[in-house]
């Protein structure tokens, strides 16, 4: 096991989504949850499959990571599961982003004019 695998716990897609729900629930009143998306080229999987002898998966994958600063989770989304995963992720984000603050446009404009002066 490499240090990167320990740093981010690699989960299946459904397990990742359920853990993400738990992270959002844990930080409902205060705190932040970061979600990071990264494209993983096929060449990285080819290097690993040559070492293990397993057949290499084809296509570009999407690496999803989520953290609250303490707990870190990740998953790899295959192209065939991308639409289902994205809709599930969007639903989770919509339901858990109710604590966002609405900025008053007048206050924002005043701050900008003070900063420019």
PDB file of N, CA and C in Angstrom:
ATOM      1  N   UNK A   1       0.860  -1.183   0.000  1.00  0.00           N
ATOM      2  CA  UNK A   1       0.000   0.000   0.000  1.00  0.00           C
ATOM      3  C   UNK A   1       0.900   1.238   0.000  1.00  0.00           C
ATOM      4  N   UNK A   2       0.620   2.132  -0.935  1.00  0.00           N
ATOM      5  CA  UNK A   2       1.419   3.349  -1.024  1.00  0.00           C
ATOM      6  C   UNK A   2       0.874   4.404  -0.063  1.00  0.00           C
ATOM      7  N   UNK A   3       1.658   5.446   0.121  1.00  0.00           N
ATOM      8  CA  UNK A   3       1.271   6.537   1.008  1.00  0.00           C
ATOM      9  C   UNK A   3       0.036   7.256   0.486  1.00  0.00           C
ATOM     10  N   UNK A   4      -0.081   7.382  -0.851  1.00  0.00           N
ATOM     11  CA  UNK A   4      -1.250   8.041  -1.433  1.00  0.00           C
ATOM     12  C   UNK A   4      -2.521   7.247  -1.169  1.00  0.00           C
ATOM     13  N   UNK A   5      -2.438   5.916  -1.216  1.00  0.00           N
ATOM     14  CA  UNK A   5      -3.615   5.094  -0.968  1.00  0.00           C
ATOM     15  C   UNK A   5      -4.074   5.208   0.477  1.00  0.00           C
ATOM     16  N   UNK A   6      -3.141   5.388   1.396  1.00  0.00           N
ATOM     17  CA  UNK A   6      -3.505   5.565   2.792  1.00  0.00           C
ATOM     18  C   UNK A   6      -4.096   6.953   3.004  1.00  0.00           C
ATOM     19  N   UNK A   7      -3.534   7.960   2.333  1.00  0.00           N
ATOM     20  CA  UNK A   7      -3.958   9.336   2.503  1.00  0.00           C
ATOM     21  C   UNK A   7      -5.411   9.531   2.070  1.00  0.00           C
ATOM     22  N   UNK A   8      -5.781   8.988   0.929  1.00  0.00           N
ATOM     23  CA  UNK A   8      -7.163   9.046   0.457  1.00  0.00           C
ATOM     24  C   UNK A   8      -7.697   7.626   0.379  1.00  0.00           C
ATOM     25  N   UNK A   9      -8.741   7.337   1.146  1.00  0.00           N
ATOM     26  CA  UNK A   9      -9.338   6.026   1.172  1.00  0.00           C
ATOM     27  C   UNK A   9     -10.145   5.819  -0.117  1.00  0.00           C
ATOM     28  N   UNK A  10      -9.743   4.848  -0.953  1.00  0.00           N
ATOM     29  CA  UNK A  10     -10.401   4.600  -2.231  1.00  0.00           C
ATOM     30  C   UNK A  10     -11.616   3.708  -2.013  1.00  0.00           C
ATOM     31  N   UNK A  11     -12.789   4.201  -2.428  1.00  0.00           N
ATOM     32  CA  UNK A  11     -14.051   3.507  -2.222  1.00  0.00           C
ATOM     33  C   UNK A  11     -14.740   3.237  -3.551  1.00  0.00           C
ATOM     34  N   UNK A  12     -15.732   2.375  -3.517  1.00  0.00           N
ATOM     35  CA  UNK A  12     -16.624   2.180  -4.660  1.00  0.00           C
ATOM     36  C   UNK A  12     -17.511   3.416  -4.784  1.00  0.00           C
ATOM     37  N   UNK A  13     -18.130   3.599  -5.933  1.00  0.00           N
ATOM     38  CA  UNK A  13     -18.915   4.812  -6.187  1.00  0.00           C
ATOM     39  C   UNK A  13     -20.055   5.001  -5.191  1.00  0.00           C
ATOM     40  N   UNK A  14     -20.836   3.955  -4.933  1.00  0.00           N
ATOM     41  CA  UNK A  14     -21.969   4.083  -4.015  1.00  0.00           C
ATOM     42  C   UNK A  14     -21.508   4.331  -2.583  1.00  0.00           C
ATOM     43  N   UNK A  15     -20.427   3.662  -2.189  1.00  0.00           N
ATOM     44  CA  UNK A  15     -19.881   3.876  -0.849  1.00  0.00           C
ATOM     45  C   UNK A  15     -19.347   5.297  -0.700  1.00  0.00           C
ATOM     46  N   UNK A  16     -18.744   5.815  -1.765  1.00  0.00           N
ATOM     47  CA  UNK A  16     -18.246   7.194  -1.748  1.00  0.00           C
ATOM     48  C   UNK A  16     -19.397   8.169  -1.534  1.00  0.00           C
ATOM     49  N   UNK A  17     -20.497   7.962  -2.249  1.00  0.00           N
ATOM     50  CA  UNK A  17     -21.640   8.864  -2.130  1.00  0.00           C
ATOM     51  C   UNK A  17     -22.253   8.805  -0.728  1.00  0.00           C
ATOM     52  N   UNK A  18     -22.332   7.627  -0.145  1.00  0.00           N
ATOM     53  CA  UNK A  18     -22.885   7.528   1.211  1.00  0.00           C
ATOM     54  C   UNK A  18     -21.942   8.165   2.239  1.00  0.00           C
ATOM     55  N   UNK A  19     -20.631   7.996   2.065  1.00  0.00           N
ATOM     56  CA  UNK A  19     -19.670   8.649   2.959  1.00  0.00           C
ATOM     57  C   UNK A  19     -19.724  10.167   2.794  1.00  0.00           C
ATOM     58  N   UNK A  20     -19.948  10.620   1.555  1.00  0.00           N
ATOM     59  CA  UNK A  20     -20.057  12.051   1.300  1.00  0.00           C
ATOM     60  C   UNK A  20     -21.284  12.626   2.003  1.00  0.00           C
ATOM     61  N   UNK A  21     -22.387  11.879   1.997  1.00  0.00           N
ATOM     62  CA  UNK A  21     -23.582  12.313   2.730  1.00  0.00           C
ATOM     63  C   UNK A  21     -23.254  12.461   4.210  1.00  0.00           C
ATOM     64  N   UNK A  22     -22.507  11.501   4.749  1.00  0.00           N
ATOM     65  CA  UNK A  22     -22.131  11.558   6.165  1.00  0.00           C
ATOM     66  C   UNK A  22     -21.240  12.763   6.460  1.00  0.00           C
ATOM     67  N   UNK A  23     -20.303  13.070   5.541  1.00  0.00           N
ATOM     68  CA  UNK A  23     -19.445  14.238   5.724  1.00  0.00           C
ATOM     69  C   UNK A  23     -20.274  15.525   5.748  1.00  0.00           C
ATOM     70  N   UNK A  24     -21.225  15.630   4.825  1.00  0.00           N
ATOM     71  CA  UNK A  24     -22.080  16.807   4.790  1.00  0.00           C
ATOM     72  C   UNK A  24     -22.933  16.900   6.056  1.00  0.00           C
ATOM     73  N   UNK A  25     -23.458  15.762   6.524  1.00  0.00           N
ATOM     74  CA  UNK A  25     -24.279  15.756   7.734  1.00  0.00           C
ATOM     75  C   UNK A  25     -23.455  16.159   8.956  1.00  0.00           C
ATOM     76  N   UNK A  26     -22.213  15.710   8.993  1.00  0.00           N
ATOM     77  CA  UNK A  26     -21.322  16.025  10.119  1.00  0.00           C
ATOM     78  C   UNK A  26     -21.039  17.522  10.190  1.00  0.00           C
ATOM     79  N   UNK A  27     -20.956  18.178   9.043  1.00  0.00           N
ATOM     80  CA  UNK A  27     -20.626  19.601   8.984  1.00  0.00           C
ATOM     81  C   UNK A  27     -21.829  20.451   8.585  1.00  0.00           C
ATOM     82  N   UNK A  28     -23.002  20.030   9.001  1.00  0.00           N
ATOM     83  CA  UNK A  28     -24.225  20.747   8.650  1.00  0.00           C
ATOM     84  C   UNK A  28     -24.238  22.153   9.248  1.00  0.00           C
ATOM     85  N   UNK A  29     -23.877  22.275  10.523  1.00  0.00           N
ATOM     86  CA  UNK A  29     -23.930  23.567  11.204  1.00  0.00           C
ATOM     87  C   UNK A  29     -22.684  24.408  10.992  1.00  0.00           C
ATOM     88  N   UNK A  30     -21.528  23.764  10.950  1.00  0.00           N
ATOM     89  CA  UNK A  30     -20.280  24.492  10.772  1.00  0.00           C
ATOM     90  C   UNK A  30     -19.259  23.586  10.098  1.00  0.00           C
ATOM     91  N   UNK A  31     -18.293  24.188   9.446  1.00  0.00           N
ATOM     92  CA  UNK A  31     -17.249  23.410   8.786  1.00  0.00           C
ATOM     93  C   UNK A  31     -17.392  23.449   7.280  1.00  0.00           C
ATOM     94  N   UNK A  32     -16.425  22.839   6.620  1.00  0.00           N
ATOM     95  CA  UNK A  32     -16.357  22.858   5.170  1.00  0.00           C
ATOM     96  C   UNK A  32     -16.062  21.466   4.646  1.00  0.00           C
ATOM     97  N   UNK A  33     -16.669  21.139   3.513  1.00  0.00           N
ATOM     98  CA  UNK A  33     -16.377  19.896   2.805  1.00  0.00           C
ATOM     99  C   UNK A  33     -15.871  20.275   1.419  1.00  0.00           C
ATOM    100  N   UNK A  34     -14.681  19.813   1.081  1.00  0.00           N
ATOM    101  CA  UNK A  34     -14.085  20.087  -0.216  1.00  0.00           C
ATOM    102  C   UNK A  34     -14.282  18.890  -1.131  1.00  0.00           C
ATOM    103  N   UNK A  35     -14.694  19.141  -2.380  1.00  0.00           N
ATOM    104  CA  UNK A  35     -14.828  18.089  -3.382  1.00  0.00           C
ATOM    105  C   UNK A  35     -13.920  18.443  -4.543  1.00  0.00           C
ATOM    106  N   UNK A  36     -13.038  17.521  -4.905  1.00  0.00           N
ATOM    107  CA  UNK A  36     -12.050  17.746  -5.953  1.00  0.00           C
ATOM    108  C   UNK A  36     -12.276  16.724  -7.059  1.00  0.00           C
ATOM    109  N   UNK A  37     -12.267  17.182  -8.306  1.00  0.00           N
ATOM    110  CA  UNK A  37     -12.426  16.316  -9.471  1.00  0.00           C
ATOM    111  C   UNK A  37     -11.159  16.387 -10.309  1.00  0.00           C
ATOM    112  N   UNK A  38     -10.696  15.234 -10.771  1.00  0.00           N
ATOM    113  CA  UNK A  38      -9.470  15.195 -11.569  1.00  0.00           C
ATOM    114  C   UNK A  38      -9.611  14.114 -12.639  1.00  0.00           C
ATOM    115  N   UNK A  39      -9.232  14.433 -13.863  1.00  0.00           N
ATOM    116  CA  UNK A  39      -9.198  13.435 -14.929  1.00  0.00           C
ATOM    117  C   UNK A  39      -7.934  12.602 -14.791  1.00  0.00           C
ATOM    118  N   UNK A  40      -8.094  11.296 -14.883  1.00  0.00           N
ATOM    119  CA  UNK A  40      -6.953  10.393 -14.776  1.00  0.00           C
ATOM    120  C   UNK A  40      -6.724   9.769 -16.145  1.00  0.00           C
ATOM    121  N   UNK A  41      -5.594  10.056 -16.788  1.00  0.00           N
ATOM    122  CA  UNK A  41      -5.339   9.493 -18.116  1.00  0.00           C
ATOM    123  C   UNK A  41      -5.104   7.991 -18.057  1.00  0.00           C
ATOM    124  N   UNK A  42      -5.334   7.363 -19.194  1.00  0.00           N
ATOM    125  CA  UNK A  42      -5.201   5.910 -19.293  1.00  0.00           C
ATOM    126  C   UNK A  42      -3.768   5.456 -19.042  1.00  0.00           C
ATOM    127  N   UNK A  43      -2.795   6.296 -19.318  1.00  0.00           N
ATOM    128  CA  UNK A  43      -1.395   5.910 -19.176  1.00  0.00           C
ATOM    129  C   UNK A  43      -1.048   5.547 -17.738  1.00  0.00           C
ATOM    130  N   UNK A  44      -1.676   6.186 -16.745  1.00  0.00           N
ATOM    131  CA  UNK A  44      -1.401   5.845 -15.356  1.00  0.00           C
ATOM    132  C   UNK A  44      -1.880   4.441 -15.028  1.00  0.00           C
ATOM    133  N   UNK A  45      -3.004   4.039 -15.607  1.00  0.00           N
ATOM    134  CA  UNK A  45      -3.507   2.693 -15.360  1.00  0.00           C
ATOM    135  C   UNK A  45      -2.677   1.644 -16.106  1.00  0.00           C
ATOM    136  N   UNK A  46      -2.145   2.014 -17.270  1.00  0.00           N
ATOM    137  CA  UNK A  46      -1.317   1.079 -18.026  1.00  0.00           C
ATOM    138  C   UNK A  46      -0.048   0.729 -17.265  1.00  0.00           C
ATOM    139  N   UNK A  47       0.559   1.714 -16.603  1.00  0.00           N
ATOM    140  CA  UNK A  47       1.761   1.451 -15.827  1.00  0.00           C
ATOM    141  C   UNK A  47       1.477   0.469 -14.696  1.00  0.00           C
ATOM    142  N   UNK A  48       0.367   0.651 -14.010  1.00  0.00           N
ATOM    143  CA  UNK A  48       0.015  -0.215 -12.896  1.00  0.00           C
ATOM    144  C   UNK A  48      -0.359  -1.609 -13.376  1.00  0.00           C
ATOM    145  N   UNK A  49      -1.058  -1.699 -14.526  1.00  0.00           N
ATOM    146  CA  UNK A  49      -1.495  -3.008 -15.002  1.00  0.00           C
ATOM    147  C   UNK A  49      -0.315  -3.832 -15.519  1.00  0.00           C
ATOM    148  N   UNK A  50       0.732  -3.192 -16.032  1.00  0.00           N
ATOM    149  CA  UNK A  50       1.911  -3.932 -16.474  1.00  0.00           C
ATOM    150  C   UNK A  50       2.608  -4.582 -15.289  1.00  0.00           C
ATOM    151  N   UNK A  51       2.618  -3.889 -14.144  1.00  0.00           N
ATOM    152  CA  UNK A  51       3.245  -4.456 -12.948  1.00  0.00           C
ATOM    153  C   UNK A  51       2.450  -5.633 -12.403  1.00  0.00           C
ATOM    154  N   UNK A  52       1.133  -5.513 -12.390  1.00  0.00           N
ATOM    155  CA  UNK A  52       0.296  -6.562 -11.807  1.00  0.00           C
ATOM    156  C   UNK A  52      -0.075  -7.640 -12.806  1.00  0.00           C
ATOM    157  N   UNK A  53      -0.011  -7.349 -14.086  1.00  0.00           N
ATOM    158  CA  UNK A  53      -0.384  -8.319 -15.114  1.00  0.00           C
ATOM    159  C   UNK A  53      -1.867  -8.328 -15.416  1.00  0.00           C
ATOM    160  N   UNK A  54      -2.634  -7.459 -14.785  1.00  0.00           N
ATOM    161  CA  UNK A  54      -4.073  -7.396 -15.015  1.00  0.00           C
ATOM    162  C   UNK A  54      -4.349  -6.616 -16.298  1.00  0.00           C
ATOM    163  N   UNK A  55      -5.467  -6.904 -16.965  1.00  0.00           N
ATOM    164  CA  UNK A  55      -5.797  -6.130 -18.162  1.00  0.00           C
ATOM    165  C   UNK A  55      -6.109  -4.684 -17.800  1.00  0.00           C
ATOM    166  N   UNK A  56      -5.612  -3.764 -18.614  1.00  0.00           N
ATOM    167  CA  UNK A  56      -5.793  -2.336 -18.347  1.00  0.00           C
ATOM    168  C   UNK A  56      -7.183  -1.890 -18.772  1.00  0.00           C
ATOM    169  N   UNK A  57      -7.875  -1.120 -17.932  1.00  0.00           N
ATOM    170  CA  UNK A  57      -9.155  -0.558 -18.343  1.00  0.00           C
ATOM    171  C   UNK A  57      -8.942   0.525 -19.392  1.00  0.00           C
ATOM    172  N   UNK A  58      -9.905   0.690 -20.270  1.00  0.00           N
ATOM    173  CA  UNK A  58      -9.758   1.668 -21.345  1.00  0.00           C
ATOM    174  C   UNK A  58     -10.581   2.909 -21.052  1.00  0.00           C
ATOM    175  N   UNK A  59     -10.172   4.031 -21.635  1.00  0.00           N
ATOM    176  CA  UNK A  59     -10.900   5.281 -21.488  1.00  0.00           C
ATOM    177  C   UNK A  59     -10.350   6.144 -20.369  1.00  0.00           C
ATOM    178  N   UNK A  60     -10.770   7.388 -20.362  1.00  0.00           N
ATOM    179  CA  UNK A  60     -10.346   8.330 -19.330  1.00  0.00           C
ATOM    180  C   UNK A  60     -11.297   8.196 -18.142  1.00  0.00           C
ATOM    181  N   UNK A  61     -10.710   8.132 -16.972  1.00  0.00           N
ATOM    182  CA  UNK A  61     -11.491   8.018 -15.749  1.00  0.00           C
ATOM    183  C   UNK A  61     -11.505   9.349 -15.021  1.00  0.00           C
ATOM    184  N   UNK A  62     -12.416   9.468 -14.083  1.00  0.00           N
ATOM    185  CA  UNK A  62     -12.536  10.675 -13.279  1.00  0.00           C
ATOM    186  C   UNK A  62     -12.268  10.302 -11.827  1.00  0.00           C
ATOM    187  N   UNK A  63     -11.286  10.944 -11.231  1.00  0.00           N
ATOM    188  CA  UNK A  63     -10.963  10.721  -9.829  1.00  0.00           C
ATOM    189  C   UNK A  63     -11.689  11.776  -9.006  1.00  0.00           C
ATOM    190  N   UNK A  64     -12.529  11.329  -8.083  1.00  0.00           N
ATOM    191  CA  UNK A  64     -13.277  12.225  -7.211  1.00  0.00           C
ATOM    192  C   UNK A  64     -12.720  12.085  -5.802  1.00  0.00           C
ATOM    193  N   UNK A  65     -12.428  13.211  -5.186  1.00  0.00           N
ATOM    194  CA  UNK A  65     -11.935  13.226  -3.817  1.00  0.00           C
ATOM    195  C   UNK A  65     -12.809  14.159  -3.003  1.00  0.00           C
ATOM    196  N   UNK A  66     -12.990  13.807  -1.734  1.00  0.00           N
ATOM    197  CA  UNK A  66     -13.722  14.664  -0.815  1.00  0.00           C
ATOM    198  C   UNK A  66     -13.008  14.625   0.532  1.00  0.00           C
ATOM    199  N   UNK A  67     -12.949  15.778   1.179  1.00  0.00           N
ATOM    200  CA  UNK A  67     -12.309  15.855   2.482  1.00  0.00           C
ATOM    201  C   UNK A  67     -12.939  16.966   3.307  1.00  0.00           C
ATOM    202  N   UNK A  68     -12.865  16.785   4.609  1.00  0.00           N
ATOM    203  CA  UNK A  68     -13.258  17.841   5.534  1.00  0.00           C
ATOM    204  C   UNK A  68     -12.053  18.354   6.308  1.00  0.00           C
ATOM    205  N   UNK A  69     -10.875  17.970   5.884  1.00  0.00           N
ATOM    206  CA  UNK A  69      -9.647  18.346   6.563  1.00  0.00           C
ATOM    207  C   UNK A  69      -9.127  17.242   7.452  1.00  0.00           C
ATOM    208  N   UNK A  70     -10.002  16.351   7.887  1.00  0.00           N
ATOM    209  CA  UNK A  70      -9.606  15.229   8.741  1.00  0.00           C
ATOM    210  C   UNK A  70      -9.826  13.898   8.029  1.00  0.00           C
ATOM    211  N   UNK A  71     -11.032  13.686   7.536  1.00  0.00           N
ATOM    212  CA  UNK A  71     -11.367  12.444   6.841  1.00  0.00           C
ATOM    213  C   UNK A  71     -11.272  12.676   5.343  1.00  0.00           C
ATOM    214  N   UNK A  72     -10.619  11.760   4.654  1.00  0.00           N
ATOM    215  CA  UNK A  72     -10.416  11.891   3.209  1.00  0.00           C
ATOM    216  C   UNK A  72     -10.927  10.636   2.519  1.00  0.00           C
ATOM    217  N   UNK A  73     -11.765  10.829   1.492  1.00  0.00           N
ATOM    218  CA  UNK A  73     -12.293   9.704   0.727  1.00  0.00           C
ATOM    219  C   UNK A  73     -12.118   9.984  -0.756  1.00  0.00           C
ATOM    220  N   UNK A  74     -12.089   8.933  -1.555  1.00  0.00           N
ATOM    221  CA  UNK A  74     -11.947   9.100  -2.999  1.00  0.00           C
ATOM    222  C   UNK A  74     -12.570   7.915  -3.715  1.00  0.00           C
ATOM    223  N   UNK A  75     -12.846   8.111  -4.999  1.00  0.00           N
ATOM    224  CA  UNK A  75     -13.360   7.052  -5.860  1.00  0.00           C
ATOM    225  C   UNK A  75     -12.950   7.347  -7.292  1.00  0.00           C
ATOM    226  N   UNK A  76     -12.954   6.311  -8.111  1.00  0.00           N
ATOM    227  CA  UNK A  76     -12.672   6.463  -9.534  1.00  0.00           C
ATOM    228  C   UNK A  76     -13.958   6.145 -10.285  1.00  0.00           C
ATOM    229  N   UNK A  77     -14.401   7.103 -11.100  1.00  0.00           N
ATOM    230  CA  UNK A  77     -15.647   6.955 -11.853  1.00  0.00           C
ATOM    231  C   UNK A  77     -15.300   6.568 -13.285  1.00  0.00           C
ATOM    232  N   UNK A  78     -15.829   5.442 -13.715  1.00  0.00           N
ATOM    233  CA  UNK A  78     -15.629   4.984 -15.092  1.00  0.00           C
ATOM    234  C   UNK A  78     -16.586   5.722 -16.024  1.00  0.00           C
ATOM    235  N   UNK A  79     -16.235   5.824 -17.308  1.00  0.00           N
ATOM    236  CA  UNK A  79     -17.102   6.550 -18.246  1.00  0.00           C
ATOM    237  C   UNK A  79     -18.520   5.987 -18.325  1.00  0.00           C
ATOM    238  N   UNK A  80     -18.670   4.670 -18.204  1.00  0.00           N
ATOM    239  CA  UNK A  80     -20.010   4.088 -18.319  1.00  0.00           C
ATOM    240  C   UNK A  80     -20.890   4.421 -17.103  1.00  0.00           C
ATOM    241  N   UNK A  81     -20.285   4.780 -15.962  1.00  0.00           N
ATOM    242  CA  UNK A  81     -21.037   5.119 -14.757  1.00  0.00           C
ATOM    243  C   UNK A  81     -21.106   6.616 -14.506  1.00  0.00           C
ATOM    244  N   UNK A  82     -20.554   7.413 -15.399  1.00  0.00           N
ATOM    245  CA  UNK A  82     -20.390   8.842 -15.146  1.00  0.00           C
ATOM    246  C   UNK A  82     -21.718   9.575 -15.001  1.00  0.00           C
ATOM    247  N   UNK A  83     -22.685   9.293 -15.846  1.00  0.00           N
ATOM    248  CA  UNK A  83     -23.963  10.024 -15.808  1.00  0.00           C
ATOM    249  C   UNK A  83     -24.721   9.713 -14.520  1.00  0.00           C
ATOM    250  N   UNK A  84     -24.786   8.454 -14.159  1.00  0.00           N
ATOM    251  CA  UNK A  84     -25.476   8.048 -12.925  1.00  0.00           C
ATOM    252  C   UNK A  84     -24.796   8.660 -11.702  1.00  0.00           C
ATOM    253  N   UNK A  85     -23.475   8.612 -11.684  1.00  0.00           N
ATOM    254  CA  UNK A  85     -22.724   9.159 -10.551  1.00  0.00           C
ATOM    255  C   UNK A  85     -22.919  10.665 -10.450  1.00  0.00           C
ATOM    256  N   UNK A  86     -22.880  11.352 -11.580  1.00  0.00           N
ATOM    257  CA  UNK A  86     -22.999  12.810 -11.580  1.00  0.00           C
ATOM    258  C   UNK A  86     -24.371  13.254 -11.091  1.00  0.00           C
ATOM    259  N   UNK A  87     -25.426  12.557 -11.489  1.00  0.00           N
ATOM    260  CA  UNK A  87     -26.765  12.930 -11.025  1.00  0.00           C
ATOM    261  C   UNK A  87     -26.908  12.688  -9.527  1.00  0.00           C
ATOM    262  N   UNK A  88     -26.341  11.593  -9.040  1.00  0.00           N
ATOM    263  CA  UNK A  88     -26.392  11.314  -7.604  1.00  0.00           C
ATOM    264  C   UNK A  88     -25.599  12.352  -6.823  1.00  0.00           C
ATOM    265  N   UNK A  89     -24.425  12.709  -7.333  1.00  0.00           N
ATOM    266  CA  UNK A  89     -23.591  13.720  -6.678  1.00  0.00           C
ATOM    267  C   UNK A  89     -24.288  15.075  -6.669  1.00  0.00           C
ATOM    268  N   UNK A  90     -24.919  15.438  -7.774  1.00  0.00           N
ATOM    269  CA  UNK A  90     -25.633  16.719  -7.849  1.00  0.00           C
ATOM    270  C   UNK A  90     -26.786  16.765  -6.850  1.00  0.00           C
ATOM    271  N   UNK A  91     -27.502  15.660  -6.697  1.00  0.00           N
ATOM    272  CA  UNK A  91     -28.607  15.611  -5.731  1.00  0.00           C
ATOM    273  C   UNK A  91     -28.092  15.781  -4.306  1.00  0.00           C
ATOM    274  N   UNK A  92     -26.990  15.133  -3.985  1.00  0.00           N
ATOM    275  CA  UNK A  92     -26.407  15.254  -2.645  1.00  0.00           C
ATOM    276  C   UNK A  92     -25.974  16.687  -2.387  1.00  0.00           C
ATOM    277  N   UNK A  93     -25.340  17.296  -3.378  1.00  0.00           N
ATOM    278  CA  UNK A  93     -24.880  18.669  -3.202  1.00  0.00           C
ATOM    279  C   UNK A  93     -26.041  19.640  -3.059  1.00  0.00           C
ATOM    280  N   UNK A  94     -27.095  19.452  -3.846  1.00  0.00           N
ATOM    281  CA  UNK A  94     -28.251  20.346  -3.765  1.00  0.00           C
ATOM    282  C   UNK A  94     -28.927  20.268  -2.401  1.00  0.00           C
ATOM    283  N   UNK A  95     -29.063  19.068  -1.872  1.00  0.00           N
ATOM    284  CA  UNK A  95     -29.746  18.914  -0.586  1.00  0.00           C
ATOM    285  C   UNK A  95     -28.910  19.416   0.582  1.00  0.00           C
ATOM    286  N   UNK A  96     -27.594  19.444   0.440  1.00  0.00           N
ATOM    287  CA  UNK A  96     -26.738  19.815   1.565  1.00  0.00           C
ATOM    288  C   UNK A  96     -26.154  21.213   1.464  1.00  0.00           C
ATOM    289  N   UNK A  97     -26.522  21.971   0.463  1.00  0.00           N
ATOM    290  CA  UNK A  97     -26.013  23.333   0.339  1.00  0.00           C
ATOM    291  C   UNK A  97     -27.060  24.358   0.722  1.00  0.00           C
ATOM    292  N   UNK A  98     -27.803  24.072   1.781  1.00  0.00           N
ATOM    293  CA  UNK A  98     -28.834  24.995   2.211  1.00  0.00           C
ATOM    294  C   UNK A  98     -28.313  26.024   3.213  1.00  0.00           C
ATOM    295  N   UNK A  99     -27.092  25.875   3.683  1.00  0.00           N
ATOM    296  CA  UNK A  99     -26.536  26.810   4.662  1.00  0.00           C
ATOM    297  C   UNK A  99     -25.711  27.911   4.008  1.00  0.00           C
ATOM    298  N   UNK A 100     -25.769  28.021   2.690  1.00  0.00           N
ATOM    299  CA  UNK A 100     -25.021  29.073   2.010  1.00  0.00           C
ATOM    300  C   UNK A 100     -25.627  30.436   2.326  1.00  0.00           C
ATOM    301  N   UNK A 101     -24.765  31.414   2.504  1.00  0.00           N
ATOM    302  CA  UNK A 101     -25.223  32.756   2.822  1.00  0.00           C
ATOM    303  C   UNK A 101     -25.433  33.555   1.537  1.00  0.00           C
ATOM    304  N   UNK A 102     -26.498  34.325   1.493  1.00  0.00           N
ATOM    305  CA  UNK A 102     -26.780  35.186   0.352  1.00  0.00           C
ATOM    306  C   UNK A 102     -26.120  36.528   0.625  1.00  0.00           C
ATOM    307  N   UNK A 103     -25.285  36.967  -0.294  1.00  0.00           N
ATOM    308  CA  UNK A 103     -24.606  38.244  -0.121  1.00  0.00           C
ATOM    309  C   UNK A 103     -25.521  39.389  -0.533  1.00  0.00           C
ATOM    310  N   UNK A 104     -25.463  40.445   0.211  1.00  0.00           N
ATOM    311  CA  UNK A 104     -26.219  41.643  -0.118  1.00  0.00           C
ATOM    312  C   UNK A 104     -25.428  42.402  -1.177  1.00  0.00           C
ATOM    313  N   UNK A 105     -26.032  42.639  -2.322  1.00  0.00           N
ATOM    314  CA  UNK A 105     -25.311  43.260  -3.435  1.00  0.00           C
ATOM    315  C   UNK A 105     -24.867  44.682  -3.105  1.00  0.00           C
ATOM    316  N   UNK A 106     -25.628  45.421  -2.302  1.00  0.00           N
ATOM    317  CA  UNK A 106     -25.246  46.791  -1.933  1.00  0.00           C
ATOM    318  C   UNK A 106     -23.963  46.779  -1.090  1.00  0.00           C
ATOM    319  N   UNK A 107     -23.893  45.848  -0.136  1.00  0.00           N
ATOM    320  CA  UNK A 107     -22.704  45.756   0.710  1.00  0.00           C
ATOM    321  C   UNK A 107     -21.483  45.369  -0.108  1.00  0.00           C
ATOM    322  N   UNK A 108     -21.655  44.475  -1.060  1.00  0.00           N
ATOM    323  CA  UNK A 108     -20.537  44.062  -1.913  1.00  0.00           C
ATOM    324  C   UNK A 108     -20.017  45.236  -2.735  1.00  0.00           C
ATOM    325  N   UNK A 109     -20.933  46.039  -3.293  1.00  0.00           N
ATOM    326  CA  UNK A 109     -20.526  47.190  -4.099  1.00  0.00           C
ATOM    327  C   UNK A 109     -19.809  48.224  -3.250  1.00  0.00           C
ATOM    328  N   UNK A 110     -20.287  48.418  -2.013  1.00  0.00           N
ATOM    329  CA  UNK A 110     -19.640  49.373  -1.115  1.00  0.00           C
ATOM    330  C   UNK A 110     -18.227  48.929  -0.764  1.00  0.00           C
ATOM    331  N   UNK A 111     -18.038  47.641  -0.516  1.00  0.00           N
ATOM    332  CA  UNK A 111     -16.722  47.110  -0.192  1.00  0.00           C
ATOM    333  C   UNK A 111     -15.766  47.275  -1.373  1.00  0.00           C
ATOM    334  N   UNK A 112     -16.269  47.055  -2.580  1.00  0.00           N
ATOM    335  CA  UNK A 112     -15.435  47.191  -3.768  1.00  0.00           C
ATOM    336  C   UNK A 112     -15.012  48.632  -3.993  1.00  0.00           C
ATOM    337  N   UNK A 113     -15.936  49.566  -3.796  1.00  0.00           N
ATOM    338  CA  UNK A 113     -15.589  50.970  -3.999  1.00  0.00           C
ATOM    339  C   UNK A 113     -14.624  51.468  -2.937  1.00  0.00           C
ATOM    340  N   UNK A 114     -14.749  50.985  -1.700  1.00  0.00           N
ATOM    341  CA  UNK A 114     -13.816  51.347  -0.645  1.00  0.00           C
ATOM    342  C   UNK A 114     -12.425  50.779  -0.922  1.00  0.00           C
ATOM    343  N   UNK A 115     -12.382  49.567  -1.444  1.00  0.00           N
ATOM    344  CA  UNK A 115     -11.097  48.937  -1.751  1.00  0.00           C
ATOM    345  C   UNK A 115     -10.389  49.638  -2.897  1.00  0.00           C
ATOM    346  N   UNK A 116     -11.154  50.134  -3.866  1.00  0.00           N
ATOM    347  CA  UNK A 116     -10.552  50.807  -5.027  1.00  0.00           C
ATOM    348  C   UNK A 116     -10.081  52.201  -4.657  1.00  0.00           C
ATOM    349  N   UNK A 117     -10.708  52.843  -3.696  1.00  0.00           N
ATOM    350  CA  UNK A 117     -10.357  54.229  -3.324  1.00  0.00           C
ATOM    351  C   UNK A 117      -9.085  54.321  -2.520  1.00  0.00           C
TER     352      UNK A 117
END
